[in-house]
Protein backbone atom coordinates (compact mmCIF):
# COMPACT_ATOMS: atom_id res chain seq x y z
CA MET A 1 103.75 75.64 113.53
CA ALA A 2 104.60 74.41 117.53
CA ALA A 3 107.85 72.19 116.74
CA LEU A 4 109.24 75.84 114.87
CA VAL A 5 107.98 77.67 117.72
CA GLY A 6 109.61 75.45 119.91
CA VAL A 7 113.16 75.23 117.84
CA HIS A 8 113.06 78.92 117.71
CA ASN A 9 112.77 79.12 121.62
CA TRP A 10 115.28 76.83 122.46
CA LYS A 11 118.02 77.99 119.46
CA PHE A 12 117.92 81.59 121.77
CA SER A 13 117.06 80.15 125.44
CA ILE A 14 120.82 80.10 126.33
CA PHE A 15 120.70 83.66 125.50
CA VAL A 16 118.09 84.63 127.76
CA ALA A 17 119.70 82.42 130.35
CA ILE A 18 122.95 84.12 130.18
CA LEU A 19 121.23 87.57 130.47
CA VAL A 20 119.25 86.62 133.33
CA TYR A 21 121.93 85.39 135.17
CA ALA A 22 124.32 88.26 134.57
CA LYS A 23 121.53 90.51 136.19
CA LEU A 24 121.46 87.85 139.27
CA GLN A 25 124.75 87.98 139.82
CA GLY A 26 124.59 92.13 139.97
CA ILE A 27 122.14 91.78 142.98
CA PRO A 28 124.15 92.55 146.54
CA ASP A 29 124.40 89.80 148.93
CA ASP A 30 123.31 92.74 152.19
CA LEU A 31 119.79 92.85 150.62
CA TYR A 32 119.32 89.06 151.19
CA GLU A 33 120.92 89.43 154.06
CA ALA A 34 118.72 92.19 155.78
CA ALA A 35 115.83 90.31 154.55
CA ILE A 36 116.79 87.47 156.37
CA MET A 37 117.31 89.58 159.63
CA SER A 38 114.11 90.89 159.10
CA GLY A 39 112.43 87.06 158.88
CA ALA A 40 111.43 87.64 155.20
CA THR A 41 110.62 84.33 153.33
CA LYS A 42 112.22 82.85 150.30
CA TYR A 43 108.88 84.17 148.34
CA GLN A 44 109.21 87.36 149.80
CA GLN A 45 112.57 87.80 148.86
CA PHE A 46 112.19 86.78 145.36
CA ARG A 47 109.44 89.30 145.13
CA ASP A 48 110.56 91.98 146.63
CA ILE A 49 114.33 92.12 145.69
CA THR A 50 115.49 89.40 143.11
CA LEU A 51 112.03 90.22 140.87
CA PRO A 52 112.77 94.20 140.94
CA TYR A 53 116.12 94.06 140.21
CA ILE A 54 115.77 91.53 136.84
CA LYS A 55 112.42 93.14 135.75
CA ASN A 56 114.33 95.17 133.18
CA VAL A 57 116.21 92.39 131.85
CA LEU A 58 113.28 90.62 131.46
CA PHE A 59 111.14 92.88 129.79
CA ILE A 60 114.07 93.37 127.22
CA THR A 61 114.64 90.06 126.63
CA VAL A 62 110.39 89.32 126.39
CA LEU A 63 111.22 92.23 123.56
CA LEU A 64 113.83 91.00 121.65
CA ARG A 65 112.32 87.70 121.50
CA GLY A 66 109.29 88.91 119.86
CA LEU A 67 110.86 91.11 117.39
CA TRP A 68 113.26 88.09 116.94
CA ASN A 69 109.77 85.84 116.42
CA PHE A 70 108.22 88.34 114.50
CA ASN A 71 111.11 88.38 111.92
CA MET A 72 111.62 84.59 111.64
CA PHE A 73 112.64 83.66 108.19
CA ASP A 74 115.56 80.97 108.46
CA LEU A 75 113.92 78.71 110.46
CA ILE A 76 110.81 78.48 108.32
CA TRP A 77 112.64 78.57 104.95
CA VAL A 78 114.66 75.70 105.79
CA ALA A 79 111.98 73.74 107.79
CA THR A 80 109.59 73.58 105.20
CA ASN A 81 112.57 73.69 102.22
CA ALA A 82 111.57 76.73 100.63
CA ASN A 83 107.99 76.15 100.16
CA PRO A 84 106.00 77.11 103.62
CA ILE A 85 102.18 76.35 103.70
CA ASP A 86 100.17 79.66 104.44
CA SER A 87 99.93 79.10 108.20
CA LEU A 88 104.02 79.70 108.16
CA VAL A 89 104.26 82.58 106.23
CA THR A 90 105.80 85.60 108.27
CA LEU A 91 106.22 88.92 106.90
CA PRO A 92 109.94 88.35 106.31
CA VAL A 93 108.64 84.85 103.96
CA TYR A 94 105.57 87.05 102.79
CA ALA A 95 107.78 89.63 101.36
CA TYR A 96 110.41 86.97 99.98
CA LYS A 97 107.86 85.14 97.84
CA ILE A 98 106.17 87.74 96.46
CA GLY A 99 109.55 89.86 95.62
CA PHE A 100 111.82 87.10 94.57
CA GLN A 101 109.38 84.24 92.99
CA PHE A 102 106.52 86.22 91.73
CA GLN A 103 108.52 89.33 90.98
CA GLU A 104 106.07 92.13 92.58
CA LEU A 105 108.39 94.30 94.09
CA GLY A 106 106.40 97.20 94.68
CA LYS A 107 104.07 94.70 97.06
CA SER A 108 106.98 93.20 98.25
CA ASN A 109 108.78 96.62 99.17
CA ALA A 110 105.26 97.53 100.90
CA VAL A 111 105.44 94.67 102.86
CA ALA A 112 109.29 95.33 103.55
CA THR A 113 108.53 98.75 104.73
CA THR A 114 105.04 97.94 106.95
CA LEU A 115 107.60 95.26 108.51
CA PHE A 116 110.14 98.29 109.69
CA VAL A 117 107.77 100.72 110.62
CA VAL A 118 106.14 98.31 112.87
CA LEU A 119 109.22 97.11 114.67
CA SER A 120 110.56 100.64 114.58
CA VAL A 121 107.76 101.90 116.49
CA VAL A 122 107.78 98.87 118.98
CA GLY A 123 111.56 99.92 119.40
CA ILE A 124 110.65 103.50 120.05
CA ILE A 125 107.74 102.54 122.68
CA TYR A 126 110.30 100.41 123.91
CA PHE A 127 113.19 103.34 124.61
CA LYS A 128 110.11 105.71 125.66
CA THR A 129 108.78 103.79 128.66
CA ALA A 130 112.09 102.05 129.98
CA LYS A 131 113.98 103.92 132.59
CA PRO A 132 117.31 103.07 132.60
CA SER A 133 118.68 103.23 136.20
CA GLN A 134 121.96 106.07 136.48
CA GLU A 135 122.59 104.26 139.69
CA VAL A 136 126.13 103.17 140.41
CA ARG A 137 126.83 100.84 143.16
CA VAL A 138 131.08 100.84 143.86
CA GLU A 139 131.97 98.55 146.31
């Protein structure tokens, strides 16, 4: 299981790196210059300038990674030769197995609907708590 989680995280690590790097490029240099003039240490610059600027991107990437991990199907199916052991069964794998292998379409539909509801609630909570900035900086 740990190997699958590691492979899955490695698969999407470049996505997270690109998002964070893009957000870091948007931090104005004058903020760092003012912090240096004020005598701020590198840690204080990170805590007071960098982290507040990238926290929304970090929150989004953690949310997306959680949703993608919740929906992991392909990696488990391929790594276990379409016969996952019980400890590797996620909801999408379970819905597939009971729907297509055991022909219990009602149970499969219930599992898929539950998965949809849970992921929708997480998405709604995110959009209610996230406050996107309306500020546009023109240089």
